[in-house]
Amino acid sequence: MSEQSIPFNAIDWSSVPKEEHPGETGTSYWQVVQLPGLRIRIVEYSAGYIADHWCRKGHIVHCLEGEFISEMENGEPVVMKQGMTYVVSDELSSHRSVTKDGVRLLIVDGDFLK
């Protein structure tokens, strides 16, 4: 097995604690599972959430419930609705999340997006 090998894991999200992260406005709540070279999160943004930073990290983001805007630093909005997914590698965009009514996301990031 290599250093990056991950054995079978079943994740019971109900047992993963929530971490609170304030935004510019609103709050995000993260449930985080960290594996070798891989981070998997369920993230909830409260109503009125605006991220407090521009992110250049790569992600796979799947919208589980609700709707949000992935706003690009150049002002371009990308509306993400339930059932939609976006993918971006590290350093290929500067983006932040904004939601009017709240949203629940599955976010995967890790070494494979470098």
PDB file of N, CA and C in Angstrom:
ATOM      1  N   MET A   1       0.843  -1.186   0.000  1.00  0.00           N
ATOM      2  CA  MET A   1       0.000   0.000   0.000  1.00  0.00           C
ATOM      3  C   MET A   1       0.886   1.247   0.000  1.00  0.00           C
ATOM      4  N   SER A   2       0.553   2.242  -0.807  1.00  0.00           N
ATOM      5  CA  SER A   2       1.308   3.493  -0.829  1.00  0.00           C
ATOM      6  C   SER A   2       0.850   4.399   0.295  1.00  0.00           C
ATOM      7  N   GLU A   3       1.597   5.495   0.519  1.00  0.00           N
ATOM      8  CA  GLU A   3       1.227   6.461   1.556  1.00  0.00           C
ATOM      9  C   GLU A   3      -0.155   7.055   1.320  1.00  0.00           C
ATOM     10  N   GLN A   4      -0.580   7.130   0.073  1.00  0.00           N
ATOM     11  CA  GLN A   4      -1.854   7.742  -0.269  1.00  0.00           C
ATOM     12  C   GLN A   4      -2.993   6.730  -0.348  1.00  0.00           C
ATOM     13  N   SER A   5      -2.715   5.467  -0.091  1.00  0.00           N
ATOM     14  CA  SER A   5      -3.767   4.462  -0.159  1.00  0.00           C
ATOM     15  C   SER A   5      -4.759   4.661   0.974  1.00  0.00           C
ATOM     16  N   ILE A   6      -6.029   4.538   0.655  1.00  0.00           N
ATOM     17  CA  ILE A   6      -7.089   4.699   1.645  1.00  0.00           C
ATOM     18  C   ILE A   6      -7.896   3.416   1.683  1.00  0.00           C
ATOM     19  N   PRO A   7      -7.899   2.725   2.817  1.00  0.00           N
ATOM     20  CA  PRO A   7      -8.715   1.519   2.912  1.00  0.00           C
ATOM     21  C   PRO A   7     -10.199   1.885   2.921  1.00  0.00           C
ATOM     22  N   PHE A   8     -11.039   0.894   2.785  1.00  0.00           N
ATOM     23  CA  PHE A   8     -12.488   1.106   2.782  1.00  0.00           C
ATOM     24  C   PHE A   8     -12.908   1.858   4.036  1.00  0.00           C
ATOM     25  N   ASN A   9     -13.695   2.906   3.846  1.00  0.00           N
ATOM     26  CA  ASN A   9     -14.222   3.709   4.955  1.00  0.00           C
ATOM     27  C   ASN A   9     -15.700   3.959   4.716  1.00  0.00           C
ATOM     28  N   ALA A  10     -16.514   3.661   5.706  1.00  0.00           N
ATOM     29  CA  ALA A  10     -17.921   4.063   5.685  1.00  0.00           C
ATOM     30  C   ALA A  10     -18.025   5.231   6.660  1.00  0.00           C
ATOM     31  N   ILE A  11     -18.562   6.348   6.210  1.00  0.00           N
ATOM     32  CA  ILE A  11     -18.637   7.548   7.044  1.00  0.00           C
ATOM     33  C   ILE A  11     -20.059   7.722   7.554  1.00  0.00           C
ATOM     34  N   ASP A  12     -20.206   7.722   8.850  1.00  0.00           N
ATOM     35  CA  ASP A  12     -21.486   8.017   9.498  1.00  0.00           C
ATOM     36  C   ASP A  12     -21.454   9.495   9.867  1.00  0.00           C
ATOM     37  N   TRP A  13     -22.014  10.338   9.011  1.00  0.00           N
ATOM     38  CA  TRP A  13     -21.933  11.784   9.207  1.00  0.00           C
ATOM     39  C   TRP A  13     -22.599  12.220  10.510  1.00  0.00           C
ATOM     40  N   SER A  14     -23.540  11.437  11.011  1.00  0.00           N
ATOM     41  CA  SER A  14     -24.197  11.825  12.263  1.00  0.00           C
ATOM     42  C   SER A  14     -23.235  11.766  13.452  1.00  0.00           C
ATOM     43  N   SER A  15     -22.118  11.070  13.297  1.00  0.00           N
ATOM     44  CA  SER A  15     -21.140  10.975  14.391  1.00  0.00           C
ATOM     45  C   SER A  15     -19.953  11.926  14.202  1.00  0.00           C
ATOM     46  N   VAL A  16     -19.937  12.679  13.114  1.00  0.00           N
ATOM     47  CA  VAL A  16     -18.837  13.618  12.858  1.00  0.00           C
ATOM     48  C   VAL A  16     -19.232  14.984  13.423  1.00  0.00           C
ATOM     49  N   PRO A  17     -18.443  15.515  14.373  1.00  0.00           N
ATOM     50  CA  PRO A  17     -18.817  16.791  15.001  1.00  0.00           C
ATOM     51  C   PRO A  17     -18.795  17.951  14.009  1.00  0.00           C
ATOM     52  N   LYS A  18     -19.595  18.976  14.300  1.00  0.00           N
ATOM     53  CA  LYS A  18     -19.644  20.185  13.469  1.00  0.00           C
ATOM     54  C   LYS A  18     -18.695  21.233  14.029  1.00  0.00           C
ATOM     55  N   GLU A  19     -17.956  21.865  13.132  1.00  0.00           N
ATOM     56  CA  GLU A  19     -17.083  22.981  13.467  1.00  0.00           C
ATOM     57  C   GLU A  19     -17.746  24.245  12.942  1.00  0.00           C
ATOM     58  N   GLU A  20     -17.753  25.278  13.739  1.00  0.00           N
ATOM     59  CA  GLU A  20     -18.366  26.553  13.337  1.00  0.00           C
ATOM     60  C   GLU A  20     -17.299  27.482  12.772  1.00  0.00           C
ATOM     61  N   HIS A  21     -17.593  28.073  11.595  1.00  0.00           N
ATOM     62  CA  HIS A  21     -16.675  29.008  10.941  1.00  0.00           C
ATOM     63  C   HIS A  21     -17.473  30.244  10.525  1.00  0.00           C
ATOM     64  N   PRO A  22     -17.231  31.397  11.169  1.00  0.00           N
ATOM     65  CA  PRO A  22     -17.963  32.601  10.779  1.00  0.00           C
ATOM     66  C   PRO A  22     -17.542  33.086   9.395  1.00  0.00           C
ATOM     67  N   GLY A  23     -18.512  33.601   8.657  1.00  0.00           N
ATOM     68  CA  GLY A  23     -18.223  34.206   7.370  1.00  0.00           C
ATOM     69  C   GLY A  23     -18.155  35.717   7.515  1.00  0.00           C
ATOM     70  N   GLU A  24     -18.030  36.399   6.377  1.00  0.00           N
ATOM     71  CA  GLU A  24     -18.146  37.866   6.388  1.00  0.00           C
ATOM     72  C   GLU A  24     -19.500  38.234   6.968  1.00  0.00           C
ATOM     73  N   THR A  25     -20.519  37.488   6.522  1.00  0.00           N
ATOM     74  CA  THR A  25     -21.836  37.487   7.153  1.00  0.00           C
ATOM     75  C   THR A  25     -22.274  36.038   7.233  1.00  0.00           C
ATOM     76  N   GLY A  26     -23.080  35.708   8.212  1.00  0.00           N
ATOM     77  CA  GLY A  26     -23.551  34.342   8.375  1.00  0.00           C
ATOM     78  C   GLY A  26     -22.465  33.421   8.911  1.00  0.00           C
ATOM     79  N   THR A  27     -22.792  32.145   8.940  1.00  0.00           N
ATOM     80  CA  THR A  27     -21.903  31.145   9.528  1.00  0.00           C
ATOM     81  C   THR A  27     -21.894  29.893   8.666  1.00  0.00           C
ATOM     82  N   SER A  28     -20.741  29.235   8.620  1.00  0.00           N
ATOM     83  CA  SER A  28     -20.664  27.918   7.990  1.00  0.00           C
ATOM     84  C   SER A  28     -20.382  26.890   9.072  1.00  0.00           C
ATOM     85  N   TYR A  29     -20.894  25.683   8.864  1.00  0.00           N
ATOM     86  CA  TYR A  29     -20.695  24.571   9.775  1.00  0.00           C
ATOM     87  C   TYR A  29     -20.085  23.432   8.975  1.00  0.00           C
ATOM     88  N   TRP A  30     -18.933  22.963   9.405  1.00  0.00           N
ATOM     89  CA  TRP A  30     -18.202  21.925   8.694  1.00  0.00           C
ATOM     90  C   TRP A  30     -18.187  20.639   9.501  1.00  0.00           C
ATOM     91  N   GLN A  31     -18.437  19.531   8.830  1.00  0.00           N
ATOM     92  CA  GLN A  31     -18.158  18.206   9.348  1.00  0.00           C
ATOM     93  C   GLN A  31     -17.025  17.678   8.477  1.00  0.00           C
ATOM     94  N   VAL A  32     -15.884  17.354   9.090  1.00  0.00           N
ATOM     95  CA  VAL A  32     -14.664  17.066   8.338  1.00  0.00           C
ATOM     96  C   VAL A  32     -14.175  15.652   8.606  1.00  0.00           C
ATOM     97  N   VAL A  33     -13.882  14.945   7.523  1.00  0.00           N
ATOM     98  CA  VAL A  33     -13.180  13.667   7.603  1.00  0.00           C
ATOM     99  C   VAL A  33     -11.878  13.857   6.835  1.00  0.00           C
ATOM    100  N   GLN A  34     -10.761  13.699   7.538  1.00  0.00           N
ATOM    101  CA  GLN A  34      -9.439  13.858   6.933  1.00  0.00           C
ATOM    102  C   GLN A  34      -8.805  12.489   6.745  1.00  0.00           C
ATOM    103  N   LEU A  35      -8.425  12.192   5.514  1.00  0.00           N
ATOM    104  CA  LEU A  35      -7.757  10.946   5.165  1.00  0.00           C
ATOM    105  C   LEU A  35      -6.435  11.310   4.493  1.00  0.00           C
ATOM    106  N   PRO A  36      -5.542  10.357   4.259  1.00  0.00           N
ATOM    107  CA  PRO A  36      -4.263  10.687   3.624  1.00  0.00           C
ATOM    108  C   PRO A  36      -4.454  11.369   2.265  1.00  0.00           C
ATOM    109  N   GLY A  37      -4.070  12.649   2.175  1.00  0.00           N
ATOM    110  CA  GLY A  37      -4.151  13.393   0.920  1.00  0.00           C
ATOM    111  C   GLY A  37      -5.557  13.736   0.472  1.00  0.00           C
ATOM    112  N   LEU A  38      -6.550  13.578   1.350  1.00  0.00           N
ATOM    113  CA  LEU A  38      -7.942  13.765   0.966  1.00  0.00           C
ATOM    114  C   LEU A  38      -8.741  14.310   2.145  1.00  0.00           C
ATOM    115  N   ARG A  39      -9.520  15.357   1.894  1.00  0.00           N
ATOM    116  CA  ARG A  39     -10.426  15.893   2.910  1.00  0.00           C
ATOM    117  C   ARG A  39     -11.835  15.860   2.337  1.00  0.00           C
ATOM    118  N   ILE A  40     -12.767  15.311   3.113  1.00  0.00           N
ATOM    119  CA  ILE A  40     -14.169  15.222   2.715  1.00  0.00           C
ATOM    120  C   ILE A  40     -14.973  15.982   3.760  1.00  0.00           C
ATOM    121  N   ARG A  41     -15.866  16.865   3.299  1.00  0.00           N
ATOM    122  CA  ARG A  41     -16.644  17.677   4.233  1.00  0.00           C
ATOM    123  C   ARG A  41     -18.109  17.741   3.826  1.00  0.00           C
ATOM    124  N   ILE A  42     -18.972  17.760   4.820  1.00  0.00           N
ATOM    125  CA  ILE A  42     -20.335  18.230   4.640  1.00  0.00           C
ATOM    126  C   ILE A  42     -20.310  19.645   5.207  1.00  0.00           C
ATOM    127  N   VAL A  43     -20.693  20.610   4.409  1.00  0.00           N
ATOM    128  CA  VAL A  43     -20.644  22.012   4.811  1.00  0.00           C
ATOM    129  C   VAL A  43     -22.033  22.608   4.655  1.00  0.00           C
ATOM    130  N   GLU A  44     -22.481  23.284   5.701  1.00  0.00           N
ATOM    131  CA  GLU A  44     -23.748  24.001   5.666  1.00  0.00           C
ATOM    132  C   GLU A  44     -23.468  25.479   5.832  1.00  0.00           C
ATOM    133  N   TYR A  45     -24.062  26.302   4.951  1.00  0.00           N
ATOM    134  CA  TYR A  45     -23.981  27.756   5.075  1.00  0.00           C
ATOM    135  C   TYR A  45     -25.335  28.256   5.543  1.00  0.00           C
ATOM    136  N   SER A  46     -25.316  29.127   6.539  1.00  0.00           N
ATOM    137  CA  SER A  46     -26.560  29.714   7.031  1.00  0.00           C
ATOM    138  C   SER A  46     -27.134  30.674   5.991  1.00  0.00           C
ATOM    139  N   ALA A  47     -28.391  31.045   6.180  1.00  0.00           N
ATOM    140  CA  ALA A  47     -28.996  32.076   5.336  1.00  0.00           C
ATOM    141  C   ALA A  47     -28.153  33.341   5.458  1.00  0.00           C
ATOM    142  N   GLY A  48     -27.960  34.031   4.348  1.00  0.00           N
ATOM    143  CA  GLY A  48     -27.203  35.273   4.337  1.00  0.00           C
ATOM    144  C   GLY A  48     -25.704  35.099   4.429  1.00  0.00           C
ATOM    145  N   TYR A  49     -25.211  33.900   4.163  1.00  0.00           N
ATOM    146  CA  TYR A  49     -23.776  33.636   4.276  1.00  0.00           C
ATOM    147  C   TYR A  49     -23.006  34.234   3.107  1.00  0.00           C
ATOM    148  N   ILE A  50     -21.898  34.904   3.438  1.00  0.00           N
ATOM    149  CA  ILE A  50     -20.893  35.342   2.464  1.00  0.00           C
ATOM    150  C   ILE A  50     -19.546  34.925   3.032  1.00  0.00           C
ATOM    151  N   ALA A  51     -18.759  34.187   2.256  1.00  0.00           N
ATOM    152  CA  ALA A  51     -17.442  33.741   2.726  1.00  0.00           C
ATOM    153  C   ALA A  51     -16.576  34.947   3.072  1.00  0.00           C
ATOM    154  N   ASP A  52     -15.710  34.768   4.050  1.00  0.00           N
ATOM    155  CA  ASP A  52     -14.857  35.866   4.511  1.00  0.00           C
ATOM    156  C   ASP A  52     -13.522  35.942   3.768  1.00  0.00           C
ATOM    157  N   HIS A  53     -13.366  35.164   2.693  1.00  0.00           N
ATOM    158  CA  HIS A  53     -12.109  35.173   1.938  1.00  0.00           C
ATOM    159  C   HIS A  53     -12.354  34.681   0.511  1.00  0.00           C
ATOM    160  N   TRP A  54     -11.405  35.005  -0.363  1.00  0.00           N
ATOM    161  CA  TRP A  54     -11.388  34.461  -1.714  1.00  0.00           C
ATOM    162  C   TRP A  54     -10.527  33.208  -1.666  1.00  0.00           C
ATOM    163  N   CYS A  55     -11.042  32.122  -2.177  1.00  0.00           N
ATOM    164  CA  CYS A  55     -10.368  30.825  -2.104  1.00  0.00           C
ATOM    165  C   CYS A  55      -9.737  30.488  -3.451  1.00  0.00           C
ATOM    166  N   ARG A  56      -8.498  30.010  -3.421  1.00  0.00           N
ATOM    167  CA  ARG A  56      -7.812  29.575  -4.640  1.00  0.00           C
ATOM    168  C   ARG A  56      -7.556  28.063  -4.621  1.00  0.00           C
ATOM    169  N   LYS A  57      -8.121  27.398  -3.618  1.00  0.00           N
ATOM    170  CA  LYS A  57      -7.933  25.958  -3.475  1.00  0.00           C
ATOM    171  C   LYS A  57      -8.864  25.207  -4.431  1.00  0.00           C
ATOM    172  N   GLY A  58      -8.415  24.063  -4.889  1.00  0.00           N
ATOM    173  CA  GLY A  58      -9.244  23.219  -5.734  1.00  0.00           C
ATOM    174  C   GLY A  58     -10.255  22.438  -4.914  1.00  0.00           C
ATOM    175  N   HIS A  59     -11.403  22.193  -5.513  1.00  0.00           N
ATOM    176  CA  HIS A  59     -12.475  21.448  -4.844  1.00  0.00           C
ATOM    177  C   HIS A  59     -13.305  20.682  -5.859  1.00  0.00           C
ATOM    178  N   ILE A  60     -13.996  19.693  -5.358  1.00  0.00           N
ATOM    179  CA  ILE A  60     -15.178  19.147  -6.003  1.00  0.00           C
ATOM    180  C   ILE A  60     -16.300  19.509  -5.045  1.00  0.00           C
ATOM    181  N   VAL A  61     -17.264  20.292  -5.512  1.00  0.00           N
ATOM    182  CA  VAL A  61     -18.357  20.765  -4.659  1.00  0.00           C
ATOM    183  C   VAL A  61     -19.674  20.282  -5.258  1.00  0.00           C
ATOM    184  N   HIS A  62     -20.431  19.530  -4.466  1.00  0.00           N
ATOM    185  CA  HIS A  62     -21.741  19.039  -4.892  1.00  0.00           C
ATOM    186  C   HIS A  62     -22.803  19.636  -3.979  1.00  0.00           C
ATOM    187  N   CYS A  63     -23.795  20.253  -4.576  1.00  0.00           N
ATOM    188  CA  CYS A  63     -24.878  20.897  -3.829  1.00  0.00           C
ATOM    189  C   CYS A  63     -25.931  19.848  -3.466  1.00  0.00           C
ATOM    190  N   LEU A  64     -26.007  19.542  -2.164  1.00  0.00           N
ATOM    191  CA  LEU A  64     -26.947  18.538  -1.674  1.00  0.00           C
ATOM    192  C   LEU A  64     -28.349  19.095  -1.480  1.00  0.00           C
ATOM    193  N   GLU A  65     -28.417  20.310  -0.926  1.00  0.00           N
ATOM    194  CA  GLU A  65     -29.700  20.956  -0.651  1.00  0.00           C
ATOM    195  C   GLU A  65     -29.531  22.455  -0.801  1.00  0.00           C
ATOM    196  N   GLY A  66     -30.545  23.116  -1.344  1.00  0.00           N
ATOM    197  CA  GLY A  66     -30.527  24.570  -1.428  1.00  0.00           C
ATOM    198  C   GLY A  66     -29.855  25.082  -2.687  1.00  0.00           C
ATOM    199  N   GLU A  67     -29.360  26.308  -2.601  1.00  0.00           N
ATOM    200  CA  GLU A  67     -28.764  26.993  -3.746  1.00  0.00           C
ATOM    201  C   GLU A  67     -27.746  28.000  -3.229  1.00  0.00           C
ATOM    202  N   PHE A  68     -26.661  28.173  -3.982  1.00  0.00           N
ATOM    203  CA  PHE A  68     -25.674  29.180  -3.634  1.00  0.00           C
ATOM    204  C   PHE A  68     -25.040  29.720  -4.891  1.00  0.00           C
ATOM    205  N   ILE A  69     -24.298  30.785  -4.730  1.00  0.00           N
ATOM    206  CA  ILE A  69     -23.539  31.359  -5.835  1.00  0.00           C
ATOM    207  C   ILE A  69     -22.071  31.163  -5.532  1.00  0.00           C
ATOM    208  N   SER A  70     -21.352  30.594  -6.475  1.00  0.00           N
ATOM    209  CA  SER A  70     -19.900  30.585  -6.404  1.00  0.00           C
ATOM    210  C   SER A  70     -19.478  31.821  -7.184  1.00  0.00           C
ATOM    211  N   GLU A  71     -19.103  32.847  -6.448  1.00  0.00           N
ATOM    212  CA  GLU A  71     -18.770  34.134  -7.046  1.00  0.00           C
ATOM    213  C   GLU A  71     -17.283  34.152  -7.383  1.00  0.00           C
ATOM    214  N   MET A  72     -16.966  34.481  -8.628  1.00  0.00           N
ATOM    215  CA  MET A  72     -15.574  34.610  -9.036  1.00  0.00           C
ATOM    216  C   MET A  72     -15.079  36.005  -8.643  1.00  0.00           C
ATOM    217  N   GLU A  73     -13.795  36.143  -8.398  1.00  0.00           N
ATOM    218  CA  GLU A  73     -13.244  37.425  -7.959  1.00  0.00           C
ATOM    219  C   GLU A  73     -13.469  38.528  -8.985  1.00  0.00           C
ATOM    220  N   ASN A  74     -13.630  38.157 -10.255  1.00  0.00           N
ATOM    221  CA  ASN A  74     -13.915  39.152 -11.297  1.00  0.00           C
ATOM    222  C   ASN A  74     -15.385  39.570 -11.313  1.00  0.00           C
ATOM    223  N   GLY A  75     -16.182  39.040 -10.362  1.00  0.00           N
ATOM    224  CA  GLY A  75     -17.591  39.409 -10.247  1.00  0.00           C
ATOM    225  C   GLY A  75     -18.549  38.452 -10.920  1.00  0.00           C
ATOM    226  N   GLU A  76     -18.039  37.512 -11.707  1.00  0.00           N
ATOM    227  CA  GLU A  76     -18.904  36.558 -12.407  1.00  0.00           C
ATOM    228  C   GLU A  76     -19.562  35.609 -11.409  1.00  0.00           C
ATOM    229  N   PRO A  77     -20.900  35.562 -11.398  1.00  0.00           N
ATOM    230  CA  PRO A  77     -21.594  34.626 -10.504  1.00  0.00           C
ATOM    231  C   PRO A  77     -21.877  33.300 -11.216  1.00  0.00           C
ATOM    232  N   VAL A  78     -21.669  32.206 -10.522  1.00  0.00           N
ATOM    233  CA  VAL A  78     -22.032  30.889 -11.034  1.00  0.00           C
ATOM    234  C   VAL A  78     -23.067  30.328 -10.067  1.00  0.00           C
ATOM    235  N   VAL A  79     -24.318  30.256 -10.519  1.00  0.00           N
ATOM    236  CA  VAL A  79     -25.405  29.776  -9.668  1.00  0.00           C
ATOM    237  C   VAL A  79     -25.356  28.257  -9.606  1.00  0.00           C
ATOM    238  N   MET A  80     -25.314  27.736  -8.384  1.00  0.00           N
ATOM    239  CA  MET A  80     -25.251  26.300  -8.152  1.00  0.00           C
ATOM    240  C   MET A  80     -26.516  25.888  -7.411  1.00  0.00           C
ATOM    241  N   LYS A  81     -27.277  25.007  -8.031  1.00  0.00           N
ATOM    242  CA  LYS A  81     -28.537  24.532  -7.446  1.00  0.00           C
ATOM    243  C   LYS A  81     -28.402  23.082  -7.008  1.00  0.00           C
ATOM    244  N   GLN A  82     -29.354  22.640  -6.213  1.00  0.00           N
ATOM    245  CA  GLN A  82     -29.370  21.266  -5.732  1.00  0.00           C
ATOM    246  C   GLN A  82     -29.145  20.301  -6.891  1.00  0.00           C
ATOM    247  N   GLY A  83     -28.222  19.362  -6.684  1.00  0.00           N
ATOM    248  CA  GLY A  83     -27.917  18.361  -7.710  1.00  0.00           C
ATOM    249  C   GLY A  83     -26.780  18.754  -8.635  1.00  0.00           C
ATOM    250  N   MET A  84     -26.308  20.000  -8.561  1.00  0.00           N
ATOM    251  CA  MET A  84     -25.218  20.461  -9.420  1.00  0.00           C
ATOM    252  C   MET A  84     -23.877  20.279  -8.709  1.00  0.00           C
ATOM    253  N   THR A  85     -22.813  20.151  -9.525  1.00  0.00           N
ATOM    254  CA  THR A  85     -21.452  19.958  -9.026  1.00  0.00           C
ATOM    255  C   THR A  85     -20.509  20.861  -9.801  1.00  0.00           C
ATOM    256  N   TYR A  86     -19.513  21.415  -9.107  1.00  0.00           N
ATOM    257  CA  TYR A  86     -18.416  22.058  -9.839  1.00  0.00           C
ATOM    258  C   TYR A  86     -17.099  21.448  -9.413  1.00  0.00           C
ATOM    259  N   VAL A  87     -16.124  21.534 -10.321  1.00  0.00           N
ATOM    260  CA  VAL A  87     -14.785  21.004 -10.100  1.00  0.00           C
ATOM    261  C   VAL A  87     -13.784  22.062 -10.535  1.00  0.00           C
ATOM    262  N   VAL A  88     -12.749  22.284  -9.715  1.00  0.00           N
ATOM    263  CA  VAL A  88     -11.674  23.209 -10.084  1.00  0.00           C
ATOM    264  C   VAL A  88     -10.395  22.751  -9.392  1.00  0.00           C
ATOM    265  N   SER A  89      -9.271  22.887 -10.060  1.00  0.00           N
ATOM    266  CA  SER A  89      -7.973  22.560  -9.472  1.00  0.00           C
ATOM    267  C   SER A  89      -7.421  23.747  -8.701  1.00  0.00           C
ATOM    268  N   ASP A  90      -6.445  23.474  -7.836  1.00  0.00           N
ATOM    269  CA  ASP A  90      -5.769  24.522  -7.073  1.00  0.00           C
ATOM    270  C   ASP A  90      -5.250  25.619  -8.008  1.00  0.00           C
ATOM    271  N   GLU A  91      -5.389  26.852  -7.565  1.00  0.00           N
ATOM    272  CA  GLU A  91      -4.814  28.034  -8.219  1.00  0.00           C
ATOM    273  C   GLU A  91      -5.397  28.364  -9.597  1.00  0.00           C
ATOM    274  N   LEU A  92      -6.541  27.767  -9.978  1.00  0.00           N
ATOM    275  CA  LEU A  92      -7.117  28.052 -11.291  1.00  0.00           C
ATOM    276  C   LEU A  92      -8.301  29.003 -11.239  1.00  0.00           C
ATOM    277  N   SER A  93      -8.735  29.389 -10.031  1.00  0.00           N
ATOM    278  CA  SER A  93      -9.765  30.413  -9.906  1.00  0.00           C
ATOM    279  C   SER A  93      -9.672  31.004  -8.516  1.00  0.00           C
ATOM    280  N   SER A  94     -10.247  32.172  -8.365  1.00  0.00           N
ATOM    281  CA  SER A  94     -10.393  32.789  -7.061  1.00  0.00           C
ATOM    282  C   SER A  94     -11.887  32.943  -6.860  1.00  0.00           C
ATOM    283  N   HIS A  95     -12.435  32.207  -5.908  1.00  0.00           N
ATOM    284  CA  HIS A  95     -13.888  32.100  -5.766  1.00  0.00           C
ATOM    285  C   HIS A  95     -14.287  32.192  -4.296  1.00  0.00           C
ATOM    286  N   ARG A  96     -15.553  32.526  -4.063  1.00  0.00           N
ATOM    287  CA  ARG A  96     -16.116  32.493  -2.713  1.00  0.00           C
ATOM    288  C   ARG A  96     -17.591  32.149  -2.826  1.00  0.00           C
ATOM    289  N   SER A  97     -18.117  31.612  -1.731  1.00  0.00           N
ATOM    290  CA  SER A  97     -19.514  31.174  -1.714  1.00  0.00           C
ATOM    291  C   SER A  97     -20.397  32.220  -1.062  1.00  0.00           C
ATOM    292  N   VAL A  98     -21.597  32.371  -1.645  1.00  0.00           N
ATOM    293  CA  VAL A  98     -22.609  33.307  -1.151  1.00  0.00           C
ATOM    294  C   VAL A  98     -23.946  32.580  -1.235  1.00  0.00           C
ATOM    295  N   THR A  99     -24.759  32.675  -0.178  1.00  0.00           N
ATOM    296  CA  THR A  99     -26.094  32.091  -0.256  1.00  0.00           C
ATOM    297  C   THR A  99     -27.112  32.984   0.434  1.00  0.00           C
ATOM    298  N   LYS A 100     -28.264  33.096  -0.181  1.00  0.00           N
ATOM    299  CA  LYS A 100     -29.346  33.904   0.382  1.00  0.00           C
ATOM    300  C   LYS A 100     -30.103  33.124   1.455  1.00  0.00           C
ATOM    301  N   ASP A 101     -30.463  31.880   1.138  1.00  0.00           N
ATOM    302  CA  ASP A 101     -31.354  31.104   2.002  1.00  0.00           C
ATOM    303  C   ASP A 101     -30.687  29.937   2.717  1.00  0.00           C
ATOM    304  N   GLY A 102     -29.386  29.745   2.530  1.00  0.00           N
ATOM    305  CA  GLY A 102     -28.693  28.618   3.137  1.00  0.00           C
ATOM    306  C   GLY A 102     -28.541  27.472   2.152  1.00  0.00           C
ATOM    307  N   VAL A 103     -27.565  26.615   2.423  1.00  0.00           N
ATOM    308  CA  VAL A 103     -27.260  25.518   1.507  1.00  0.00           C
ATOM    309  C   VAL A 103     -26.500  24.435   2.274  1.00  0.00           C
ATOM    310  N   ARG A 104     -26.556  23.204   1.747  1.00  0.00           N
ATOM    311  CA  ARG A 104     -25.805  22.074   2.310  1.00  0.00           C
ATOM    312  C   ARG A 104     -25.011  21.451   1.167  1.00  0.00           C
ATOM    313  N   LEU A 105     -23.693  21.310   1.375  1.00  0.00           N
ATOM    314  CA  LEU A 105     -22.780  20.881   0.316  1.00  0.00           C
ATOM    315  C   LEU A 105     -21.961  19.675   0.744  1.00  0.00           C
ATOM    316  N   LEU A 106     -21.538  18.886  -0.232  1.00  0.00           N
ATOM    317  CA  LEU A 106     -20.495  17.882  -0.057  1.00  0.00           C
ATOM    318  C   LEU A 106     -19.266  18.435  -0.777  1.00  0.00           C
ATOM    319  N   ILE A 107     -18.163  18.607  -0.049  1.00  0.00           N
ATOM    320  CA  ILE A 107     -16.944  19.183  -0.634  1.00  0.00           C
ATOM    321  C   ILE A 107     -15.806  18.201  -0.455  1.00  0.00           C
ATOM    322  N   VAL A 108     -15.114  17.914  -1.566  1.00  0.00           N
ATOM    323  CA  VAL A 108     -13.968  17.018  -1.559  1.00  0.00           C
ATOM    324  C   VAL A 108     -12.780  17.792  -2.096  1.00  0.00           C
ATOM    325  N   ASP A 109     -11.674  17.762  -1.376  1.00  0.00           N
ATOM    326  CA  ASP A 109     -10.450  18.356  -1.898  1.00  0.00           C
ATOM    327  C   ASP A 109      -9.276  17.528  -1.426  1.00  0.00           C
ATOM    328  N   GLY A 110      -8.153  17.736  -2.079  1.00  0.00           N
ATOM    329  CA  GLY A 110      -6.986  16.947  -1.702  1.00  0.00           C
ATOM    330  C   GLY A 110      -5.863  17.097  -2.695  1.00  0.00           C
ATOM    331  N   ASP A 111      -4.849  16.291  -2.491  1.00  0.00           N
ATOM    332  CA  ASP A 111      -3.624  16.359  -3.292  1.00  0.00           C
ATOM    333  C   ASP A 111      -3.879  16.149  -4.788  1.00  0.00           C
ATOM    334  N   PHE A 112      -4.899  15.414  -5.150  1.00  0.00           N
ATOM    335  CA  PHE A 112      -5.170  15.115  -6.551  1.00  0.00           C
ATOM    336  C   PHE A 112      -5.603  16.350  -7.344  1.00  0.00           C
ATOM    337  N   LEU A 113      -5.902  17.461  -6.681  1.00  0.00           N
ATOM    338  CA  LEU A 113      -6.345  18.668  -7.369  1.00  0.00           C
ATOM    339  C   LEU A 113      -5.215  19.698  -7.546  1.00  0.00           C
ATOM    340  N   LYS A 114      -3.995  19.319  -7.225  1.00  0.00           N
ATOM    341  CA  LYS A 114      -2.851  20.238  -7.378  1.00  0.00           C
ATOM    342  C   LYS A 114      -2.469  20.363  -8.827  1.00  0.00           C
TER     343      LYS A 114
END
